Amino acid sequence: MEPKKKIAILGSTGSIGTQTLEVISEQPDHFEVELLSAGNNAELLIEQAIKYNPSTVVIGNKDLLDKVKSALEPLHIKVYSGHESIVQCMSSDSIDLVVTALVGYSGLKPTLEAIKHGKTIGLANKETLVVAGELVTSLAAQKGVNIFPIDSEHSAIFQCLLGEWHNPIEKIYLTASGGPFRGKEKSFLETAGPEQALKHPNWSMGAKITIDSATLMNKGLEVIEAKWLFNLKPEQIDVVVHPQSIIHSIVQFQDGSMKAQMGLPDMKLPIQFAMGYPKRLKSEFPRFNFMQHPSLTFEAPDTATFPCLQIAMDAMSTGGNAPCVMNAANEIAVDAFLMKKIGFNQIPYVITETMSKVPFKASPAFEDYVDDDSTSRRIASEICDKSSK
């Protein structure tokens, strides 16, 4: 029997993190937990650490260090705090694979550090490639590191490409559910609140990604992620709304043939595929039944009502620091919407206004991304504050 893969989960208390731990529980012969990290949810982090007994635990909020430390002291688990500690732990020789399930920009630095130390990456943090795709993919190529996508759409593309590496991609189609507001008019969205936006029809996800799904920004971020993961030109990527979320994405080859990956909307499947690759591990996941899904439908995304998708596609075509600025502004706008400081339809306004105020950089270095992220957040926050008055 092969040795178990030792897994570090960055963001273990979030939606992807908890489902990753469920996969590990279901596949105890293949995986074991080496490191867990969380931002503020000390209670769940302690509970996870007691159950899975990792070597190391990191709590992002330094004020919670003593609480976590005292709870785990009898288990002799190493406990650290702060974002920099997560980054430093990526050099550990005992980690085989890093699942980056952190939310937003916070995933960039630890992912880069993990790549520098030759760790295989299971990428659930799309913002890492949105913000600094060129930097991340070039470093991964230099270090010979594999980045296995955990997003269901990118996992689908990856699975469709297996055995096809010598065949050029003509086009890929990323499928989108359309989110909770599919088919709604702009007038309805004027008064839509967080409670309505958080009711996703198909997927159970964290608050930030669920709001991104409602605005279609999530699909825009995925478009940019796909560009870097699969080395594509912007014109090779299209989006189609597929409300049933059964076909997870499609690859079209130069002979016109198309391959699609299908399955029930369950994130544990792409998580397990990324961690187990190149093997498909036997699972007890629910099986798809065609008779329960007799109709699969497709439609064009409504970018007039939901402009965030087009904003992201334009940022991808512009390149440079544009996606970084867009991502930072979006994170601030989504937070403001969740706190009811701005309305749903103001989210794209905050993003475009911020992008117009941050100088364009065609070839940013890492320090530029850090500076522009910070500047964009400040500007977006000011716009949100003015809009809420």
Protein backbone atom coordinates (compact mmCIF):
# COMPACT_ATOMS: atom_id res chain seq x y z
CA MET A 1 0.00 0.00 0.00
CA GLU A 2 1.20 3.51 -0.88
CA PRO A 3 1.96 5.86 2.03
CA LYS A 4 -0.83 8.23 2.97
CA LYS A 5 -0.69 11.73 1.53
CA LYS A 6 -0.22 14.30 4.27
CA ILE A 7 -2.63 17.17 3.72
CA ALA A 8 -2.46 20.81 4.85
CA ILE A 9 -5.84 22.54 4.74
CA LEU A 10 -5.69 26.34 4.68
CA GLY A 11 -9.15 27.50 5.71
CA SER A 12 -10.28 24.26 7.34
CA THR A 13 -13.39 25.73 9.01
CA GLY A 14 -14.95 27.07 5.78
CA SER A 15 -17.19 25.22 3.34
CA ILE A 16 -14.41 23.67 1.23
CA GLY A 17 -12.23 23.01 4.29
CA THR A 18 -14.92 21.09 6.16
CA GLN A 19 -15.79 19.07 3.05
CA THR A 20 -12.10 18.27 2.54
CA LEU A 21 -12.02 16.85 6.06
CA GLU A 22 -15.12 14.78 5.26
CA VAL A 23 -13.29 13.31 2.25
CA ILE A 24 -10.29 12.49 4.48
CA SER A 25 -12.64 10.77 6.95
CA GLU A 26 -14.10 8.72 4.11
CA GLN A 27 -10.65 7.83 2.71
CA PRO A 28 -8.55 7.08 5.83
CA ASP A 29 -6.27 4.69 3.90
CA HIS A 30 -5.20 7.43 1.50
CA PHE A 31 -5.00 10.72 3.42
CA GLU A 32 -4.10 12.13 6.81
CA VAL A 33 -4.21 15.67 8.16
CA GLU A 34 -0.86 17.36 8.73
CA LEU A 35 -1.90 21.00 9.21
CA LEU A 36 -5.12 22.93 9.79
CA SER A 37 -5.59 26.70 9.65
CA ALA A 38 -8.53 28.99 10.32
CA GLY A 39 -9.11 32.72 10.65
CA ASN A 40 -11.46 33.32 13.56
CA ASN A 41 -13.47 30.14 14.15
CA ALA A 42 -11.43 28.87 17.11
CA GLU A 43 -14.17 26.56 18.40
CA LEU A 44 -14.49 24.56 15.18
CA LEU A 45 -10.70 24.57 14.63
CA ILE A 46 -10.19 23.07 18.11
CA GLU A 47 -12.90 20.47 17.41
CA GLN A 48 -11.25 19.54 14.10
CA ALA A 49 -7.78 19.33 15.66
CA ILE A 50 -9.02 17.02 18.43
CA LYS A 51 -10.66 14.74 15.84
CA TYR A 52 -7.88 14.67 13.20
CA ASN A 53 -4.79 15.22 15.39
CA PRO A 54 -2.64 17.24 12.95
CA SER A 55 0.98 18.08 13.72
CA THR A 56 0.29 21.80 13.44
CA VAL A 57 -2.61 24.23 13.82
CA VAL A 58 -2.62 27.93 12.91
CA ILE A 59 -5.27 30.40 14.05
CA GLY A 60 -5.20 33.62 12.02
CA ASN A 61 -6.58 35.86 14.76
CA LYS A 62 -3.70 36.34 17.21
CA ASP A 63 -6.12 37.20 20.02
CA LEU A 64 -7.36 33.59 19.94
CA LEU A 65 -3.93 31.96 20.23
CA ASP A 66 -4.10 31.27 23.98
CA LYS A 67 -7.58 29.78 23.69
CA VAL A 68 -6.52 27.33 20.96
CA LYS A 69 -3.18 26.58 22.61
CA SER A 70 -4.64 25.67 25.99
CA ALA A 71 -7.35 23.50 24.41
CA LEU A 72 -4.83 21.50 22.36
CA GLU A 73 -1.97 21.36 24.86
CA PRO A 74 -2.74 17.77 26.01
CA LEU A 75 -2.43 16.56 22.39
CA HIS A 76 1.06 18.07 21.88
CA ILE A 77 -0.08 19.81 18.70
CA LYS A 78 2.06 22.79 17.65
CA VAL A 79 -0.10 25.93 17.66
CA TYR A 80 0.77 29.22 15.96
CA SER A 81 -1.11 32.40 15.10
CA GLY A 82 -1.20 35.06 12.39
CA HIS A 83 -1.19 34.98 8.60
CA GLU A 84 2.61 34.99 8.45
CA SER A 85 2.69 31.75 10.46
CA ILE A 86 0.56 30.07 7.79
CA VAL A 87 3.07 31.24 5.18
CA GLN A 88 6.06 29.98 7.22
CA CYS A 89 4.48 26.56 7.77
CA MET A 90 4.41 25.95 4.01
CA SER A 91 8.12 25.08 4.16
CA SER A 92 7.44 21.97 6.27
CA ASP A 93 8.91 18.80 4.75
CA SER A 94 6.05 16.72 6.15
CA ILE A 95 3.36 18.31 3.90
CA ASP A 96 2.61 16.53 0.61
CA LEU A 97 -0.36 18.51 -0.65
CA VAL A 98 -1.77 21.93 0.29
CA VAL A 99 -5.49 22.54 -0.12
CA THR A 100 -5.86 26.32 -0.35
CA ALA A 101 -9.43 26.95 0.77
CA LEU A 102 -8.84 30.45 2.15
CA VAL A 103 -11.29 33.12 1.05
CA GLY A 104 -10.14 35.82 -1.36
CA TYR A 105 -6.75 37.53 -1.64
CA SER A 106 -5.50 35.96 1.62
CA GLY A 107 -4.75 32.74 -0.29
CA LEU A 108 -2.07 34.26 -2.53
CA LYS A 109 0.97 34.48 -0.27
CA PRO A 110 0.75 31.02 1.36
CA THR A 111 0.07 29.42 -2.05
CA LEU A 112 3.17 31.08 -3.53
CA GLU A 113 5.21 29.93 -0.52
CA ALA A 114 3.93 26.37 -0.84
CA ILE A 115 4.88 26.34 -4.53
CA LYS A 116 8.36 27.68 -3.69
CA HIS A 117 8.82 24.63 -1.46
CA GLY A 118 7.62 22.18 -4.10
CA LYS A 119 4.23 21.33 -2.57
CA THR A 120 1.44 20.01 -4.78
CA ILE A 121 -1.49 22.43 -4.69
CA GLY A 122 -5.20 21.61 -4.53
CA LEU A 123 -6.54 25.03 -5.51
CA ALA A 124 -9.94 26.08 -4.19
CA ASN A 125 -8.91 29.73 -3.88
CA LYS A 126 -9.53 31.08 -7.39
CA GLU A 127 -8.50 34.61 -6.34
CA THR A 128 -4.86 33.45 -6.18
CA LEU A 129 -4.83 33.08 -9.98
CA VAL A 130 -7.15 36.04 -10.57
CA VAL A 131 -4.82 38.42 -8.73
CA ALA A 132 -1.43 37.07 -9.82
CA GLY A 133 -1.96 34.30 -12.37
CA GLU A 134 1.21 34.96 -14.34
CA LEU A 135 3.35 35.02 -11.20
CA VAL A 136 1.80 31.84 -9.77
CA THR A 137 1.82 29.74 -12.94
CA SER A 138 5.37 30.73 -13.94
CA LEU A 139 6.65 29.86 -10.45
CA ALA A 140 4.80 26.52 -10.56
CA ALA A 141 6.38 25.74 -13.94
CA GLN A 142 9.82 26.72 -12.64
CA LYS A 143 9.44 24.50 -9.54
CA GLY A 144 7.74 21.61 -11.37
CA VAL A 145 4.69 21.92 -9.11
CA ASN A 146 1.26 20.62 -10.11
CA ILE A 147 -1.78 22.80 -9.40
CA PHE A 148 -4.90 20.63 -9.31
CA PRO A 149 -8.14 22.65 -9.49
CA ILE A 150 -10.85 22.05 -6.90
CA ASP A 151 -13.51 24.37 -8.37
CA SER A 152 -16.05 22.02 -9.94
CA GLU A 153 -15.83 23.78 -13.32
CA HIS A 154 -12.04 23.69 -13.54
CA SER A 155 -11.93 20.13 -12.24
CA ALA A 156 -14.35 19.28 -15.07
CA ILE A 157 -12.06 20.87 -17.68
CA PHE A 158 -9.05 19.07 -16.19
CA GLN A 159 -10.89 15.72 -16.28
CA CYS A 160 -11.98 16.31 -19.91
CA LEU A 161 -8.35 17.00 -20.90
CA LEU A 162 -6.95 13.76 -19.45
CA GLY A 163 -5.55 11.77 -22.37
CA GLU A 164 -5.91 14.83 -24.64
CA TRP A 165 -2.78 16.81 -23.75
CA HIS A 166 -1.48 16.54 -27.34
CA ASN A 167 -4.78 17.87 -28.76
CA PRO A 168 -5.10 21.68 -28.77
CA ILE A 169 -8.17 23.17 -27.11
CA GLU A 170 -10.33 25.15 -29.50
CA LYS A 171 -12.64 26.45 -26.79
CA ILE A 172 -13.90 25.77 -23.29
CA TYR A 173 -17.38 26.40 -21.92
CA LEU A 174 -17.65 27.11 -18.20
CA THR A 175 -21.17 26.38 -16.98
CA ALA A 176 -22.93 28.64 -14.51
CA SER A 177 -26.06 27.92 -12.49
CA GLY A 178 -27.18 31.54 -12.87
CA GLY A 179 -27.35 31.88 -9.08
CA PRO A 180 -30.37 32.72 -6.93
CA PHE A 181 -31.39 35.74 -9.05
CA ARG A 182 -31.39 34.11 -12.50
CA GLY A 183 -34.16 35.63 -14.61
CA LYS A 184 -34.77 38.54 -12.24
CA GLU A 185 -35.13 42.13 -13.47
CA LYS A 186 -32.83 44.96 -12.40
CA SER A 187 -35.78 46.56 -10.61
CA PHE A 188 -36.14 43.46 -8.40
CA LEU A 189 -32.42 43.54 -7.60
CA GLU A 190 -32.66 47.17 -6.42
CA THR A 191 -34.23 45.97 -3.16
CA ALA A 192 -32.71 42.46 -2.95
CA GLY A 193 -30.95 41.86 0.37
CA PRO A 194 -28.25 39.47 1.57
CA GLU A 195 -30.80 36.96 2.87
CA GLN A 196 -32.20 36.44 -0.65
CA ALA A 197 -28.77 36.48 -2.32
CA LEU A 198 -27.44 33.78 0.01
CA LYS A 199 -30.11 31.25 -1.07
CA HIS A 200 -28.22 29.42 -3.81
CA PRO A 201 -30.42 26.93 -5.69
CA ASN A 202 -27.83 24.14 -6.12
CA TRP A 203 -24.67 24.57 -4.09
CA SER A 204 -23.89 24.94 -0.39
CA MET A 205 -21.05 27.47 -0.18
CA GLY A 206 -19.62 30.23 1.99
CA ALA A 207 -21.20 33.71 2.06
CA LYS A 208 -18.65 35.46 -0.15
CA ILE A 209 -18.71 32.93 -3.00
CA THR A 210 -22.53 32.71 -2.81
CA ILE A 211 -22.86 36.49 -3.30
CA ASP A 212 -20.30 36.28 -6.13
CA SER A 213 -22.51 33.60 -7.69
CA ALA A 214 -25.54 35.90 -7.41
CA THR A 215 -23.70 38.78 -9.19
CA LEU A 216 -22.05 36.35 -11.70
CA MET A 217 -18.67 37.69 -10.53
CA ASN A 218 -17.83 34.15 -9.41
CA LYS A 219 -18.06 33.02 -13.03
CA GLY A 220 -15.92 35.99 -14.05
CA LEU A 221 -13.26 34.99 -11.54
CA GLU A 222 -13.45 31.42 -12.85
CA VAL A 223 -12.93 32.64 -16.42
CA ILE A 224 -9.69 34.35 -15.38
CA GLU A 225 -8.63 31.29 -13.36
CA ALA A 226 -9.26 29.06 -16.40
CA LYS A 227 -7.08 31.29 -18.58
CA TRP A 228 -4.09 30.66 -16.32
CA LEU A 229 -4.76 27.03 -15.42
CA PHE A 230 -5.14 25.91 -19.03
CA ASN A 231 -2.99 28.51 -20.83
CA LEU A 232 -5.86 29.92 -22.88
CA LYS A 233 -6.54 33.15 -24.77
CA PRO A 234 -9.58 35.17 -23.64
CA GLU A 235 -11.44 34.36 -26.86
CA GLN A 236 -11.13 30.62 -26.12
CA ILE A 237 -13.32 30.88 -23.01
CA ASP A 238 -17.09 31.13 -23.02
CA VAL A 239 -19.77 30.97 -20.32
CA VAL A 240 -23.14 29.23 -20.62
CA VAL A 241 -25.86 29.24 -17.97
CA HIS A 242 -26.94 25.70 -17.08
CA PRO A 243 -29.45 25.94 -14.20
CA GLN A 244 -29.34 22.26 -13.25
CA SER A 245 -25.55 22.27 -12.50
CA ILE A 246 -25.16 18.70 -13.82
CA ILE A 247 -22.72 19.42 -16.67
CA HIS A 248 -19.84 21.08 -14.85
CA SER A 249 -17.97 22.32 -17.94
CA ILE A 250 -17.11 21.40 -21.52
CA VAL A 251 -14.00 21.26 -23.71
CA GLN A 252 -14.30 21.68 -27.48
CA PHE A 253 -11.41 20.39 -29.61
CA GLN A 254 -10.23 21.54 -33.04
CA ASP A 255 -12.13 18.76 -34.83
CA GLY A 256 -15.40 20.08 -33.34
CA SER A 257 -15.77 17.23 -30.84
CA MET A 258 -16.86 18.22 -27.33
CA LYS A 259 -16.25 16.49 -23.99
CA ALA A 260 -18.25 17.31 -20.89
CA GLN A 261 -17.88 16.16 -17.29
CA MET A 262 -21.16 15.43 -15.51
CA GLY A 263 -22.26 14.67 -11.99
CA LEU A 264 -24.44 15.80 -9.13
CA PRO A 265 -23.53 19.19 -7.61
CA ASP A 266 -21.31 17.93 -4.79
CA MET A 267 -17.97 19.61 -4.05
CA LYS A 268 -16.58 16.49 -2.39
CA LEU A 269 -16.13 14.86 -5.80
CA PRO A 270 -13.69 17.48 -7.24
CA ILE A 271 -11.97 17.71 -3.83
CA GLN A 272 -11.36 13.96 -3.76
CA PHE A 273 -10.30 13.91 -7.41
CA ALA A 274 -7.67 16.63 -6.82
CA MET A 275 -6.30 14.96 -3.69
CA GLY A 276 -6.31 11.44 -5.12
CA TYR A 277 -4.98 12.23 -8.61
CA PRO A 278 -3.92 10.34 -10.69
CA LYS A 279 -6.20 7.71 -9.12
CA ARG A 280 -9.98 7.82 -9.01
CA LEU A 281 -10.73 6.59 -5.52
CA LYS A 282 -13.84 4.53 -4.90
CA SER A 283 -16.49 6.57 -3.10
CA GLU A 284 -19.97 6.30 -1.64
CA PHE A 285 -21.08 9.64 -3.11
CA PRO A 286 -24.69 9.69 -4.44
CA ARG A 287 -24.94 8.57 -8.08
CA PHE A 288 -26.58 10.53 -10.89
CA ASN A 289 -29.88 9.20 -12.22
CA PHE A 290 -30.90 10.36 -15.69
CA MET A 291 -34.57 9.72 -14.94
CA GLN A 292 -34.45 12.23 -12.08
CA HIS A 293 -32.97 14.86 -14.44
CA PRO A 294 -34.80 14.33 -17.76
CA SER A 295 -34.12 17.86 -18.99
CA LEU A 296 -30.81 19.76 -19.11
CA THR A 297 -31.14 23.34 -20.34
CA PHE A 298 -28.74 26.07 -21.43
CA GLU A 299 -28.98 29.82 -21.94
CA ALA A 300 -26.77 32.86 -22.44
CA PRO A 301 -25.72 34.83 -19.33
CA ASP A 302 -27.55 38.15 -18.84
CA THR A 303 -24.62 40.55 -18.62
CA ALA A 304 -26.89 43.59 -18.87
CA THR A 305 -28.61 42.75 -15.58
CA PHE A 306 -25.47 41.15 -14.08
CA PRO A 307 -22.54 43.24 -15.40
CA CYS A 308 -19.88 41.72 -13.10
CA LEU A 309 -19.23 38.86 -15.53
CA GLN A 310 -18.41 41.30 -18.34
CA ILE A 311 -16.31 43.44 -15.96
CA ALA A 312 -14.20 40.36 -15.17
CA MET A 313 -13.87 39.32 -18.81
CA ASP A 314 -12.75 42.83 -19.73
CA ALA A 315 -10.23 42.80 -16.86
CA MET A 316 -8.87 39.49 -18.16
CA SER A 317 -8.42 40.99 -21.64
CA THR A 318 -6.76 44.11 -20.18
CA GLY A 319 -4.39 42.01 -18.04
CA GLY A 320 -1.69 43.52 -15.84
CA ASN A 321 -2.99 44.64 -12.47
CA ALA A 322 -6.62 45.05 -13.66
CA PRO A 323 -7.85 41.69 -12.26
CA CYS A 324 -6.06 42.39 -8.96
CA VAL A 325 -7.78 45.76 -8.58
CA MET A 326 -11.13 44.29 -9.61
CA ASN A 327 -10.82 41.44 -7.11
CA ALA A 328 -9.96 43.74 -4.19
CA ALA A 329 -12.85 46.09 -4.98
CA ASN A 330 -15.23 43.15 -5.29
CA GLU A 331 -14.23 41.75 -1.89
CA ILE A 332 -14.89 45.13 -0.25
CA ALA A 333 -18.19 45.59 -2.12
CA VAL A 334 -19.44 42.11 -1.19
CA ASP A 335 -18.59 42.73 2.48
CA ALA A 336 -20.43 46.06 2.34
CA PHE A 337 -23.48 44.39 0.78
CA LEU A 338 -23.48 41.64 3.41
CA MET A 339 -23.39 44.36 6.08
CA LYS A 340 -26.26 46.15 4.27
CA LYS A 341 -24.15 49.26 3.67
CA ILE A 342 -24.76 49.16 -0.10
CA GLY A 343 -27.39 47.61 -2.37
CA PHE A 344 -26.93 44.60 -4.64
CA ASN A 345 -26.84 46.70 -7.83
CA GLN A 346 -24.15 48.94 -6.33
CA ILE A 347 -21.60 46.11 -6.25
CA PRO A 348 -20.55 46.49 -9.94
CA TYR A 349 -20.56 50.29 -9.53
CA VAL A 350 -18.07 50.09 -6.65
CA ILE A 351 -15.84 47.78 -8.72
CA THR A 352 -15.79 49.90 -11.91
CA GLU A 353 -15.31 53.15 -9.96
CA THR A 354 -12.35 51.65 -8.09
CA MET A 355 -10.80 50.32 -11.30
CA SER A 356 -11.03 53.79 -12.85
CA LYS A 357 -9.10 55.33 -9.95
CA VAL A 358 -6.15 52.89 -9.65
CA PRO A 359 -3.34 53.42 -12.21
CA PHE A 360 -2.87 50.56 -14.68
CA LYS A 361 0.33 48.51 -14.51
CA ALA A 362 1.03 46.21 -17.44
CA SER A 363 3.68 43.99 -15.80
CA PRO A 364 3.27 44.10 -12.02
CA ALA A 365 5.73 42.46 -9.61
CA PHE A 366 4.58 40.84 -6.36
CA GLU A 367 5.07 44.10 -4.44
CA ASP A 368 2.83 45.88 -6.98
CA TYR A 369 0.05 43.36 -6.37
CA VAL A 370 0.35 43.94 -2.61
CA ASP A 371 0.30 47.74 -3.01
CA ASP A 372 -2.53 47.77 -5.56
CA ASP A 373 -4.63 45.39 -3.49
CA SER A 374 -4.27 47.68 -0.47
CA THR A 375 -4.95 50.85 -2.48
CA SER A 376 -7.98 49.31 -4.18
CA ARG A 377 -9.49 48.24 -0.85
CA ARG A 378 -9.07 51.73 0.56
CA ILE A 379 -10.67 53.37 -2.48
CA ALA A 380 -13.51 50.83 -2.63
CA SER A 381 -14.20 51.31 1.08
CA GLU A 382 -14.43 55.07 0.59
CA ILE A 383 -16.88 54.58 -2.29
CA CYS A 384 -18.99 52.20 -0.17
CA ASP A 385 -19.00 54.68 2.73
CA LYS A 386 -20.21 57.49 0.44
CA SER A 387 -22.85 55.23 -1.12
CA SER A 388 -24.24 54.24 2.27
CA LYS A 389 -24.85 57.82 3.40
